[in-house]
Amino acid sequence: MLGTRSCQNRELTGTWVNEVDSLAKMIFFKNKFWSVYDQDTLSQGTFKWMNYSCDTTFLEKKVKADFILLKDEYETCYEISGITDSILAYRFTKSGKLHVFKKRVE
């Protein structure tokens, strides 16, 4: 576990740039998120950090791991594979695709 939710949100706070495509970014601030490509906002909404699966279609709720649930017009669940002060890796639970981001230093 990475600590309390407020600590987790602080770790997530900032702009994260996709390692494969530097035009793709995720921005997290407080409980809000923005998915941005180049200068266009693709989606925005709220997020919730959870210590159990937010997608019980693919994982049982009793699976203890770190997840983020993004809520815009849809609800999308990602399993946090790892987070440091400079790297964020999460896996889309439906496809299993891993996304890796580097934190942009402001």
PDB file of N, CA and C in Angstrom:
ATOM      1  N   MET A   1       0.821  -1.187   0.000  1.00  0.00           N
ATOM      2  CA  MET A   1       0.000   0.000   0.000  1.00  0.00           C
ATOM      3  C   MET A   1       0.865   1.251   0.000  1.00  0.00           C
ATOM      4  N   LEU A   2       0.346   2.297  -0.559  1.00  0.00           N
ATOM      5  CA  LEU A   2       1.131   3.515  -0.704  1.00  0.00           C
ATOM      6  C   LEU A   2       0.842   4.550   0.372  1.00  0.00           C
ATOM      7  N   GLY A   3      -0.054   4.279   1.294  1.00  0.00           N
ATOM      8  CA  GLY A   3      -0.341   5.241   2.353  1.00  0.00           C
ATOM      9  C   GLY A   3      -1.797   5.649   2.345  1.00  0.00           C
ATOM     10  N   THR A   4      -2.076   6.795   2.951  1.00  0.00           N
ATOM     11  CA  THR A   4      -3.461   7.249   3.014  1.00  0.00           C
ATOM     12  C   THR A   4      -3.905   7.781   1.662  1.00  0.00           C
ATOM     13  N   ARG A   5      -5.209   7.893   1.476  1.00  0.00           N
ATOM     14  CA  ARG A   5      -5.713   8.401   0.202  1.00  0.00           C
ATOM     15  C   ARG A   5      -5.211   9.803  -0.086  1.00  0.00           C
ATOM     16  N   SER A   6      -5.132  10.656   0.945  1.00  0.00           N
ATOM     17  CA  SER A   6      -4.650  12.011   0.683  1.00  0.00           C
ATOM     18  C   SER A   6      -3.199  11.971   0.218  1.00  0.00           C
ATOM     19  N   CYS A   7      -2.380  11.085   0.781  1.00  0.00           N
ATOM     20  CA  CYS A   7      -1.005  10.925   0.309  1.00  0.00           C
ATOM     21  C   CYS A   7      -1.012  10.406  -1.121  1.00  0.00           C
ATOM     22  N   GLN A   8      -1.876   9.456  -1.410  1.00  0.00           N
ATOM     23  CA  GLN A   8      -1.952   8.900  -2.756  1.00  0.00           C
ATOM     24  C   GLN A   8      -2.336   9.983  -3.760  1.00  0.00           C
ATOM     25  N   ASN A   9      -3.293  10.813  -3.425  1.00  0.00           N
ATOM     26  CA  ASN A   9      -3.704  11.875  -4.331  1.00  0.00           C
ATOM     27  C   ASN A   9      -2.568  12.866  -4.547  1.00  0.00           C
ATOM     28  N   ARG A  10      -1.780  13.146  -3.499  1.00  0.00           N
ATOM     29  CA  ARG A  10      -0.634  14.044  -3.657  1.00  0.00           C
ATOM     30  C   ARG A  10       0.401  13.424  -4.590  1.00  0.00           C
ATOM     31  N   GLU A  11       0.623  12.104  -4.476  1.00  0.00           N
ATOM     32  CA  GLU A  11       1.565  11.439  -5.361  1.00  0.00           C
ATOM     33  C   GLU A  11       1.095  11.511  -6.809  1.00  0.00           C
ATOM     34  N   LEU A  12      -0.198  11.452  -7.025  1.00  0.00           N
ATOM     35  CA  LEU A  12      -0.771  11.459  -8.358  1.00  0.00           C
ATOM     36  C   LEU A  12      -0.883  12.876  -8.934  1.00  0.00           C
ATOM     37  N   THR A  13      -0.922  13.878  -8.071  1.00  0.00           N
ATOM     38  CA  THR A  13      -1.098  15.256  -8.512  1.00  0.00           C
ATOM     39  C   THR A  13       0.004  15.683  -9.466  1.00  0.00           C
ATOM     40  N   GLY A  14      -0.408  16.255 -10.595  1.00  0.00           N
ATOM     41  CA  GLY A  14       0.547  16.778 -11.561  1.00  0.00           C
ATOM     42  C   GLY A  14       0.184  16.384 -12.980  1.00  0.00           C
ATOM     43  N   THR A  15       1.098  16.688 -13.886  1.00  0.00           N
ATOM     44  CA  THR A  15       0.930  16.353 -15.300  1.00  0.00           C
ATOM     45  C   THR A  15       1.839  15.186 -15.625  1.00  0.00           C
ATOM     46  N   TRP A  16       1.257  14.144 -16.209  1.00  0.00           N
ATOM     47  CA  TRP A  16       1.969  12.915 -16.556  1.00  0.00           C
ATOM     48  C   TRP A  16       1.974  12.773 -18.073  1.00  0.00           C
ATOM     49  N   VAL A  17       3.158  12.598 -18.655  1.00  0.00           N
ATOM     50  CA  VAL A  17       3.329  12.522 -20.101  1.00  0.00           C
ATOM     51  C   VAL A  17       3.571  11.068 -20.492  1.00  0.00           C
ATOM     52  N   ASN A  18       2.810  10.582 -21.467  1.00  0.00           N
ATOM     53  CA  ASN A  18       2.923   9.203 -21.917  1.00  0.00           C
ATOM     54  C   ASN A  18       4.313   8.933 -22.486  1.00  0.00           C
ATOM     55  N   GLU A  19       4.915   7.811 -22.087  1.00  0.00           N
ATOM     56  CA  GLU A  19       6.261   7.464 -22.552  1.00  0.00           C
ATOM     57  C   GLU A  19       6.312   7.174 -24.049  1.00  0.00           C
ATOM     58  N   VAL A  20       5.247   6.622 -24.602  1.00  0.00           N
ATOM     59  CA  VAL A  20       5.221   6.248 -26.016  1.00  0.00           C
ATOM     60  C   VAL A  20       4.854   7.432 -26.903  1.00  0.00           C
ATOM     61  N   ASP A  21       3.910   8.241 -26.470  1.00  0.00           N
ATOM     62  CA  ASP A  21       3.419   9.368 -27.266  1.00  0.00           C
ATOM     63  C   ASP A  21       3.405  10.615 -26.376  1.00  0.00           C
ATOM     64  N   SER A  22       4.383  11.480 -26.546  1.00  0.00           N
ATOM     65  CA  SER A  22       4.531  12.638 -25.663  1.00  0.00           C
ATOM     66  C   SER A  22       3.409  13.670 -25.814  1.00  0.00           C
ATOM     67  N   LEU A  23       2.539  13.518 -26.798  1.00  0.00           N
ATOM     68  CA  LEU A  23       1.397  14.414 -26.931  1.00  0.00           C
ATOM     69  C   LEU A  23       0.242  13.993 -26.025  1.00  0.00           C
ATOM     70  N   ALA A  24       0.292  12.749 -25.532  1.00  0.00           N
ATOM     71  CA  ALA A  24      -0.764  12.225 -24.650  1.00  0.00           C
ATOM     72  C   ALA A  24      -0.382  12.496 -23.200  1.00  0.00           C
ATOM     73  N   LYS A  25      -1.294  13.133 -22.480  1.00  0.00           N
ATOM     74  CA  LYS A  25      -1.026  13.500 -21.090  1.00  0.00           C
ATOM     75  C   LYS A  25      -2.241  13.203 -20.215  1.00  0.00           C
ATOM     76  N   MET A  26      -1.960  12.903 -18.958  1.00  0.00           N
ATOM     77  CA  MET A  26      -2.993  12.813 -17.932  1.00  0.00           C
ATOM     78  C   MET A  26      -2.646  13.855 -16.883  1.00  0.00           C
ATOM     79  N   ILE A  27      -3.630  14.623 -16.471  1.00  0.00           N
ATOM     80  CA  ILE A  27      -3.434  15.648 -15.448  1.00  0.00           C
ATOM     81  C   ILE A  27      -4.344  15.309 -14.274  1.00  0.00           C
ATOM     82  N   PHE A  28      -3.776  15.267 -13.082  1.00  0.00           N
ATOM     83  CA  PHE A  28      -4.538  14.993 -11.867  1.00  0.00           C
ATOM     84  C   PHE A  28      -4.342  16.148 -10.899  1.00  0.00           C
ATOM     85  N   PHE A  29      -5.429  16.620 -10.321  1.00  0.00           N
ATOM     86  CA  PHE A  29      -5.375  17.680  -9.312  1.00  0.00           C
ATOM     87  C   PHE A  29      -6.548  17.491  -8.365  1.00  0.00           C
ATOM     88  N   LYS A  30      -6.225  17.367  -7.081  1.00  0.00           N
ATOM     89  CA  LYS A  30      -7.219  17.052  -6.052  1.00  0.00           C
ATOM     90  C   LYS A  30      -7.958  15.790  -6.487  1.00  0.00           C
ATOM     91  N   ASN A  31      -9.265  15.840  -6.691  1.00  0.00           N
ATOM     92  CA  ASN A  31      -9.990  14.639  -7.134  1.00  0.00           C
ATOM     93  C   ASN A  31     -10.443  14.751  -8.595  1.00  0.00           C
ATOM     94  N   LYS A  32      -9.807  15.633  -9.350  1.00  0.00           N
ATOM     95  CA  LYS A  32     -10.166  15.861 -10.756  1.00  0.00           C
ATOM     96  C   LYS A  32      -9.082  15.315 -11.681  1.00  0.00           C
ATOM     97  N   PHE A  33      -9.498  14.944 -12.900  1.00  0.00           N
ATOM     98  CA  PHE A  33      -8.535  14.513 -13.916  1.00  0.00           C
ATOM     99  C   PHE A  33      -8.913  15.105 -15.268  1.00  0.00           C
ATOM    100  N   TRP A  34      -7.888  15.212 -16.132  1.00  0.00           N
ATOM    101  CA  TRP A  34      -8.060  15.630 -17.513  1.00  0.00           C
ATOM    102  C   TRP A  34      -7.210  14.708 -18.370  1.00  0.00           C
ATOM    103  N   SER A  35      -7.765  14.195 -19.435  1.00  0.00           N
ATOM    104  CA  SER A  35      -7.022  13.432 -20.425  1.00  0.00           C
ATOM    105  C   SER A  35      -6.840  14.364 -21.612  1.00  0.00           C
ATOM    106  N   VAL A  36      -5.587  14.624 -21.986  1.00  0.00           N
ATOM    107  CA  VAL A  36      -5.283  15.633 -22.996  1.00  0.00           C
ATOM    108  C   VAL A  36      -4.433  15.006 -24.088  1.00  0.00           C
ATOM    109  N   TYR A  37      -4.744  15.367 -25.328  1.00  0.00           N
ATOM    110  CA  TYR A  37      -3.878  14.985 -26.440  1.00  0.00           C
ATOM    111  C   TYR A  37      -3.515  16.249 -27.189  1.00  0.00           C
ATOM    112  N   ASP A  38      -2.222  16.521 -27.277  1.00  0.00           N
ATOM    113  CA  ASP A  38      -1.706  17.770 -27.837  1.00  0.00           C
ATOM    114  C   ASP A  38      -2.312  18.897 -27.010  1.00  0.00           C
ATOM    115  N   GLN A  39      -3.141  19.731 -27.558  1.00  0.00           N
ATOM    116  CA  GLN A  39      -3.783  20.813 -26.799  1.00  0.00           C
ATOM    117  C   GLN A  39      -5.274  20.549 -26.564  1.00  0.00           C
ATOM    118  N   ASP A  40      -5.767  19.379 -26.983  1.00  0.00           N
ATOM    119  CA  ASP A  40      -7.189  19.082 -26.891  1.00  0.00           C
ATOM    120  C   ASP A  40      -7.510  18.233 -25.662  1.00  0.00           C
ATOM    121  N   THR A  41      -8.520  18.651 -24.910  1.00  0.00           N
ATOM    122  CA  THR A  41      -9.001  17.861 -23.781  1.00  0.00           C
ATOM    123  C   THR A  41      -9.933  16.783 -24.323  1.00  0.00           C
ATOM    124  N   LEU A  42      -9.537  15.518 -24.137  1.00  0.00           N
ATOM    125  CA  LEU A  42     -10.343  14.396 -24.624  1.00  0.00           C
ATOM    126  C   LEU A  42     -11.440  14.028 -23.643  1.00  0.00           C
ATOM    127  N   SER A  43     -11.120  14.082 -22.358  1.00  0.00           N
ATOM    128  CA  SER A  43     -12.118  13.824 -21.321  1.00  0.00           C
ATOM    129  C   SER A  43     -11.670  14.480 -20.036  1.00  0.00           C
ATOM    130  N   GLN A  44     -12.637  14.696 -19.169  1.00  0.00           N
ATOM    131  CA  GLN A  44     -12.351  15.253 -17.857  1.00  0.00           C
ATOM    132  C   GLN A  44     -13.432  14.806 -16.907  1.00  0.00           C
ATOM    133  N   GLY A  45     -13.068  14.747 -15.645  1.00  0.00           N
ATOM    134  CA  GLY A  45     -14.034  14.313 -14.651  1.00  0.00           C
ATOM    135  C   GLY A  45     -13.370  14.187 -13.299  1.00  0.00           C
ATOM    136  N   THR A  46     -13.872  13.259 -12.528  1.00  0.00           N
ATOM    137  CA  THR A  46     -13.321  13.030 -11.193  1.00  0.00           C
ATOM    138  C   THR A  46     -12.670  11.660 -11.148  1.00  0.00           C
ATOM    139  N   PHE A  47     -11.819  11.467 -10.142  1.00  0.00           N
ATOM    140  CA  PHE A  47     -11.233  10.152  -9.953  1.00  0.00           C
ATOM    141  C   PHE A  47     -11.267   9.793  -8.478  1.00  0.00           C
ATOM    142  N   LYS A  48     -11.211   8.510  -8.244  1.00  0.00           N
ATOM    143  CA  LYS A  48     -11.206   7.981  -6.875  1.00  0.00           C
ATOM    144  C   LYS A  48     -10.133   6.905  -6.798  1.00  0.00           C
ATOM    145  N   TRP A  49      -9.273   7.005  -5.799  1.00  0.00           N
ATOM    146  CA  TRP A  49      -8.237   5.992  -5.550  1.00  0.00           C
ATOM    147  C   TRP A  49      -8.858   4.924  -4.665  1.00  0.00           C
ATOM    148  N   MET A  50      -8.714   3.660  -5.047  1.00  0.00           N
ATOM    149  CA  MET A  50      -9.345   2.561  -4.310  1.00  0.00           C
ATOM    150  C   MET A  50      -8.302   1.485  -4.008  1.00  0.00           C
ATOM    151  N   ASN A  51      -8.504   0.758  -2.908  1.00  0.00           N
ATOM    152  CA  ASN A  51      -7.576  -0.324  -2.574  1.00  0.00           C
ATOM    153  C   ASN A  51      -8.202  -1.695  -2.844  1.00  0.00           C
ATOM    154  N   TYR A  52      -9.155  -1.722  -3.755  1.00  0.00           N
ATOM    155  CA  TYR A  52      -9.777  -2.959  -4.239  1.00  0.00           C
ATOM    156  C   TYR A  52     -10.242  -2.699  -5.667  1.00  0.00           C
ATOM    157  N   SER A  53     -10.534  -3.767  -6.385  1.00  0.00           N
ATOM    158  CA  SER A  53     -10.869  -3.630  -7.802  1.00  0.00           C
ATOM    159  C   SER A  53     -12.155  -2.833  -8.004  1.00  0.00           C
ATOM    160  N   CYS A  54     -12.078  -1.860  -8.890  1.00  0.00           N
ATOM    161  CA  CYS A  54     -13.255  -1.071  -9.241  1.00  0.00           C
ATOM    162  C   CYS A  54     -13.934  -1.642 -10.486  1.00  0.00           C
ATOM    163  N   ASP A  55     -13.424  -2.759 -10.991  1.00  0.00           N
ATOM    164  CA  ASP A  55     -14.017  -3.415 -12.157  1.00  0.00           C
ATOM    165  C   ASP A  55     -14.173  -4.897 -11.845  1.00  0.00           C
ATOM    166  N   THR A  56     -15.305  -5.266 -11.282  1.00  0.00           N
ATOM    167  CA  THR A  56     -15.513  -6.651 -10.860  1.00  0.00           C
ATOM    168  C   THR A  56     -15.831  -7.582 -12.022  1.00  0.00           C
ATOM    169  N   THR A  57     -15.935  -7.053 -13.234  1.00  0.00           N
ATOM    170  CA  THR A  57     -16.113  -7.900 -14.410  1.00  0.00           C
ATOM    171  C   THR A  57     -14.853  -8.723 -14.664  1.00  0.00           C
ATOM    172  N   PHE A  58     -13.693  -8.130 -14.379  1.00  0.00           N
ATOM    173  CA  PHE A  58     -12.421  -8.772 -14.686  1.00  0.00           C
ATOM    174  C   PHE A  58     -11.642  -9.208 -13.446  1.00  0.00           C
ATOM    175  N   LEU A  59     -11.896  -8.580 -12.317  1.00  0.00           N
ATOM    176  CA  LEU A  59     -11.226  -8.935 -11.071  1.00  0.00           C
ATOM    177  C   LEU A  59     -12.247  -8.911  -9.948  1.00  0.00           C
ATOM    178  N   GLU A  60     -12.123  -9.836  -9.026  1.00  0.00           N
ATOM    179  CA  GLU A  60     -13.020  -9.830  -7.878  1.00  0.00           C
ATOM    180  C   GLU A  60     -12.739  -8.611  -7.013  1.00  0.00           C
ATOM    181  N   LYS A  61     -13.787  -8.100  -6.381  1.00  0.00           N
ATOM    182  CA  LYS A  61     -13.647  -6.922  -5.531  1.00  0.00           C
ATOM    183  C   LYS A  61     -12.676  -7.183  -4.385  1.00  0.00           C
ATOM    184  N   LYS A  62     -12.584  -8.440  -3.959  1.00  0.00           N
ATOM    185  CA  LYS A  62     -11.713  -8.743  -2.825  1.00  0.00           C
ATOM    186  C   LYS A  62     -10.221  -8.704  -3.183  1.00  0.00           C
ATOM    187  N   VAL A  63      -9.888  -8.562  -4.466  1.00  0.00           N
ATOM    188  CA  VAL A  63      -8.486  -8.425  -4.871  1.00  0.00           C
ATOM    189  C   VAL A  63      -7.958  -7.125  -4.281  1.00  0.00           C
ATOM    190  N   LYS A  64      -6.932  -7.239  -3.454  1.00  0.00           N
ATOM    191  CA  LYS A  64      -6.366  -6.065  -2.796  1.00  0.00           C
ATOM    192  C   LYS A  64      -5.187  -5.553  -3.605  1.00  0.00           C
ATOM    193  N   ALA A  65      -5.362  -4.416  -4.208  1.00  0.00           N
ATOM    194  CA  ALA A  65      -4.326  -3.740  -4.985  1.00  0.00           C
ATOM    195  C   ALA A  65      -4.778  -2.286  -5.099  1.00  0.00           C
ATOM    196  N   ASP A  66      -3.987  -1.463  -5.741  1.00  0.00           N
ATOM    197  CA  ASP A  66      -4.355  -0.062  -5.914  1.00  0.00           C
ATOM    198  C   ASP A  66      -4.985   0.146  -7.281  1.00  0.00           C
ATOM    199  N   PHE A  67      -6.103   0.854  -7.296  1.00  0.00           N
ATOM    200  CA  PHE A  67      -6.853   1.139  -8.517  1.00  0.00           C
ATOM    201  C   PHE A  67      -7.254   2.604  -8.512  1.00  0.00           C
ATOM    202  N   ILE A  68      -7.442   3.162  -9.703  1.00  0.00           N
ATOM    203  CA  ILE A  68      -8.091   4.469  -9.814  1.00  0.00           C
ATOM    204  C   ILE A  68      -9.315   4.299 -10.707  1.00  0.00           C
ATOM    205  N   LEU A  69     -10.395   4.884 -10.258  1.00  0.00           N
ATOM    206  CA  LEU A  69     -11.645   4.885 -11.005  1.00  0.00           C
ATOM    207  C   LEU A  69     -11.833   6.286 -11.567  1.00  0.00           C
ATOM    208  N   LEU A  70     -11.802   6.406 -12.893  1.00  0.00           N
ATOM    209  CA  LEU A  70     -12.028   7.686 -13.553  1.00  0.00           C
ATOM    210  C   LEU A  70     -13.497   7.779 -13.931  1.00  0.00           C
ATOM    211  N   LYS A  71     -14.110   8.897 -13.576  1.00  0.00           N
ATOM    212  CA  LYS A  71     -15.534   9.095 -13.880  1.00  0.00           C
ATOM    213  C   LYS A  71     -15.692  10.354 -14.719  1.00  0.00           C
ATOM    214  N   ASP A  72     -16.146  10.145 -15.951  1.00  0.00           N
ATOM    215  CA  ASP A  72     -16.607  11.245 -16.787  1.00  0.00           C
ATOM    216  C   ASP A  72     -17.991  10.810 -17.239  1.00  0.00           C
ATOM    217  N   GLU A  73     -18.288  10.759 -18.529  1.00  0.00           N
ATOM    218  CA  GLU A  73     -19.587  10.202 -18.933  1.00  0.00           C
ATOM    219  C   GLU A  73     -19.609   8.686 -18.751  1.00  0.00           C
ATOM    220  N   TYR A  74     -18.428   8.100 -18.564  1.00  0.00           N
ATOM    221  CA  TYR A  74     -18.268   6.667 -18.296  1.00  0.00           C
ATOM    222  C   TYR A  74     -17.493   6.486 -16.998  1.00  0.00           C
ATOM    223  N   GLU A  75     -17.445   5.263 -16.521  1.00  0.00           N
ATOM    224  CA  GLU A  75     -16.572   4.908 -15.410  1.00  0.00           C
ATOM    225  C   GLU A  75     -15.515   3.956 -15.948  1.00  0.00           C
ATOM    226  N   THR A  76     -14.251   4.300 -15.762  1.00  0.00           N
ATOM    227  CA  THR A  76     -13.154   3.497 -16.280  1.00  0.00           C
ATOM    228  C   THR A  76     -12.215   3.156 -15.149  1.00  0.00           C
ATOM    229  N   CYS A  77     -11.870   1.868 -15.054  1.00  0.00           N
ATOM    230  CA  CYS A  77     -11.043   1.376 -13.964  1.00  0.00           C
ATOM    231  C   CYS A  77      -9.630   1.057 -14.464  1.00  0.00           C
ATOM    232  N   TYR A  78      -8.639   1.513 -13.702  1.00  0.00           N
ATOM    233  CA  TYR A  78      -7.240   1.219 -13.991  1.00  0.00           C
ATOM    234  C   TYR A  78      -6.579   0.657 -12.741  1.00  0.00           C
ATOM    235  N   GLU A  79      -5.790  -0.386 -12.914  1.00  0.00           N
ATOM    236  CA  GLU A  79      -5.001  -0.915 -11.807  1.00  0.00           C
ATOM    237  C   GLU A  79      -3.653  -0.202 -11.801  1.00  0.00           C
ATOM    238  N   ILE A  80      -3.287   0.362 -10.666  1.00  0.00           N
ATOM    239  CA  ILE A  80      -1.997   1.029 -10.543  1.00  0.00           C
ATOM    240  C   ILE A  80      -0.922  -0.052 -10.453  1.00  0.00           C
ATOM    241  N   SER A  81      -0.064  -0.106 -11.458  1.00  0.00           N
ATOM    242  CA  SER A  81       1.028  -1.083 -11.464  1.00  0.00           C
ATOM    243  C   SER A  81       2.223  -0.563 -10.694  1.00  0.00           C
ATOM    244  N   GLY A  82       2.379   0.754 -10.671  1.00  0.00           N
ATOM    245  CA  GLY A  82       3.474   1.362  -9.928  1.00  0.00           C
ATOM    246  C   GLY A  82       3.396   2.871 -10.003  1.00  0.00           C
ATOM    247  N   ILE A  83       3.858   3.503  -8.932  1.00  0.00           N
ATOM    248  CA  ILE A  83       3.913   4.967  -8.918  1.00  0.00           C
ATOM    249  C   ILE A  83       5.096   5.381  -8.057  1.00  0.00           C
ATOM    250  N   THR A  84       5.869   6.313  -8.595  1.00  0.00           N
ATOM    251  CA  THR A  84       6.955   6.945  -7.845  1.00  0.00           C
ATOM    252  C   THR A  84       6.775   8.443  -8.027  1.00  0.00           C
ATOM    253  N   ASP A  85       7.752   9.215  -7.580  1.00  0.00           N
ATOM    254  CA  ASP A  85       7.635  10.661  -7.779  1.00  0.00           C
ATOM    255  C   ASP A  85       7.836  11.058  -9.239  1.00  0.00           C
ATOM    256  N   SER A  86       8.288  10.123 -10.089  1.00  0.00           N
ATOM    257  CA  SER A  86       8.532  10.475 -11.493  1.00  0.00           C
ATOM    258  C   SER A  86       7.891   9.540 -12.519  1.00  0.00           C
ATOM    259  N   ILE A  87       7.412   8.374 -12.104  1.00  0.00           N
ATOM    260  CA  ILE A  87       6.820   7.396 -13.025  1.00  0.00           C
ATOM    261  C   ILE A  87       5.442   6.961 -12.514  1.00  0.00           C
ATOM    262  N   LEU A  88       4.487   6.881 -13.434  1.00  0.00           N
ATOM    263  CA  LEU A  88       3.158   6.335 -13.164  1.00  0.00           C
ATOM    264  C   LEU A  88       2.894   5.250 -14.192  1.00  0.00           C
ATOM    265  N   ALA A  89       2.566   4.064 -13.722  1.00  0.00           N
ATOM    266  CA  ALA A  89       2.205   2.964 -14.626  1.00  0.00           C
ATOM    267  C   ALA A  89       0.860   2.419 -14.172  1.00  0.00           C
ATOM    268  N   TYR A  90      -0.076   2.349 -15.093  1.00  0.00           N
ATOM    269  CA  TYR A  90      -1.362   1.739 -14.776  1.00  0.00           C
ATOM    270  C   TYR A  90      -1.846   0.887 -15.937  1.00  0.00           C
ATOM    271  N   ARG A  91      -2.690  -0.095 -15.596  1.00  0.00           N
ATOM    272  CA  ARG A  91      -3.195  -1.064 -16.564  1.00  0.00           C
ATOM    273  C   ARG A  91      -4.700  -0.910 -16.672  1.00  0.00           C
ATOM    274  N   PHE A  92      -5.170  -0.755 -17.899  1.00  0.00           N
ATOM    275  CA  PHE A  92      -6.604  -0.701 -18.161  1.00  0.00           C
ATOM    276  C   PHE A  92      -7.158  -2.099 -17.920  1.00  0.00           C
ATOM    277  N   THR A  93      -8.072  -2.246 -16.990  1.00  0.00           N
ATOM    278  CA  THR A  93      -8.517  -3.582 -16.579  1.00  0.00           C
ATOM    279  C   THR A  93      -9.230  -4.342 -17.691  1.00  0.00           C
ATOM    280  N   LYS A  94      -9.934  -3.658 -18.582  1.00  0.00           N
ATOM    281  CA  LYS A  94     -10.677  -4.365 -19.633  1.00  0.00           C
ATOM    282  C   LYS A  94      -9.767  -4.954 -20.698  1.00  0.00           C
ATOM    283  N   SER A  95      -8.700  -4.231 -21.049  1.00  0.00           N
ATOM    284  CA  SER A  95      -7.832  -4.712 -22.131  1.00  0.00           C
ATOM    285  C   SER A  95      -6.517  -5.300 -21.627  1.00  0.00           C
ATOM    286  N   GLY A  96      -6.146  -4.937 -20.417  1.00  0.00           N
ATOM    287  CA  GLY A  96      -4.856  -5.372 -19.897  1.00  0.00           C
ATOM    288  C   GLY A  96      -3.706  -4.516 -20.383  1.00  0.00           C
ATOM    289  N   LYS A  97      -3.997  -3.488 -21.197  1.00  0.00           N
ATOM    290  CA  LYS A  97      -2.947  -2.631 -21.757  1.00  0.00           C
ATOM    291  C   LYS A  97      -2.312  -1.776 -20.658  1.00  0.00           C
ATOM    292  N   LEU A  98      -0.984  -1.789 -20.648  1.00  0.00           N
ATOM    293  CA  LEU A  98      -0.221  -1.017 -19.679  1.00  0.00           C
ATOM    294  C   LEU A  98       0.101   0.356 -20.260  1.00  0.00           C
ATOM    295  N   HIS A  99      -0.127   1.399 -19.472  1.00  0.00           N
ATOM    296  CA  HIS A  99       0.201   2.764 -19.846  1.00  0.00           C
ATOM    297  C   HIS A  99       1.265   3.263 -18.882  1.00  0.00           C
ATOM    298  N   VAL A 100       2.336   3.807 -19.410  1.00  0.00           N
ATOM    299  CA  VAL A 100       3.423   4.308 -18.568  1.00  0.00           C
ATOM    300  C   VAL A 100       3.610   5.797 -18.866  1.00  0.00           C
ATOM    301  N   PHE A 101       3.695   6.593 -17.803  1.00  0.00           N
ATOM    302  CA  PHE A 101       3.833   8.032 -17.913  1.00  0.00           C
ATOM    303  C   PHE A 101       5.015   8.518 -17.073  1.00  0.00           C
ATOM    304  N   LYS A 102       5.622   9.602 -17.516  1.00  0.00           N
ATOM    305  CA  LYS A 102       6.655  10.281 -16.739  1.00  0.00           C
ATOM    306  C   LYS A 102       6.074  11.599 -16.257  1.00  0.00           C
ATOM    307  N   LYS A 103       6.367  11.940 -15.012  1.00  0.00           N
ATOM    308  CA  LYS A 103       5.842  13.193 -14.459  1.00  0.00           C
ATOM    309  C   LYS A 103       6.600  14.360 -15.054  1.00  0.00           C
ATOM    310  N   ARG A 104       5.844  15.345 -15.511  1.00  0.00           N
ATOM    311  CA  ARG A 104       6.455  16.552 -16.058  1.00  0.00           C
ATOM    312  C   ARG A 104       6.868  17.453 -14.895  1.00  0.00           C
ATOM    313  N   VAL A 105       8.113  17.865 -14.910  1.00  0.00           N
ATOM    314  CA  VAL A 105       8.619  18.757 -13.875  1.00  0.00           C
ATOM    315  C   VAL A 105       8.252  20.181 -14.267  1.00  0.00           C
ATOM    316  N   GLU A 106       7.571  20.847 -13.378  1.00  0.00           N
ATOM    317  CA  GLU A 106       7.067  22.204 -13.682  1.00  0.00           C
ATOM    318  C   GLU A 106       7.978  23.248 -13.098  1.00  0.00           C
TER     319      GLU A 106
END
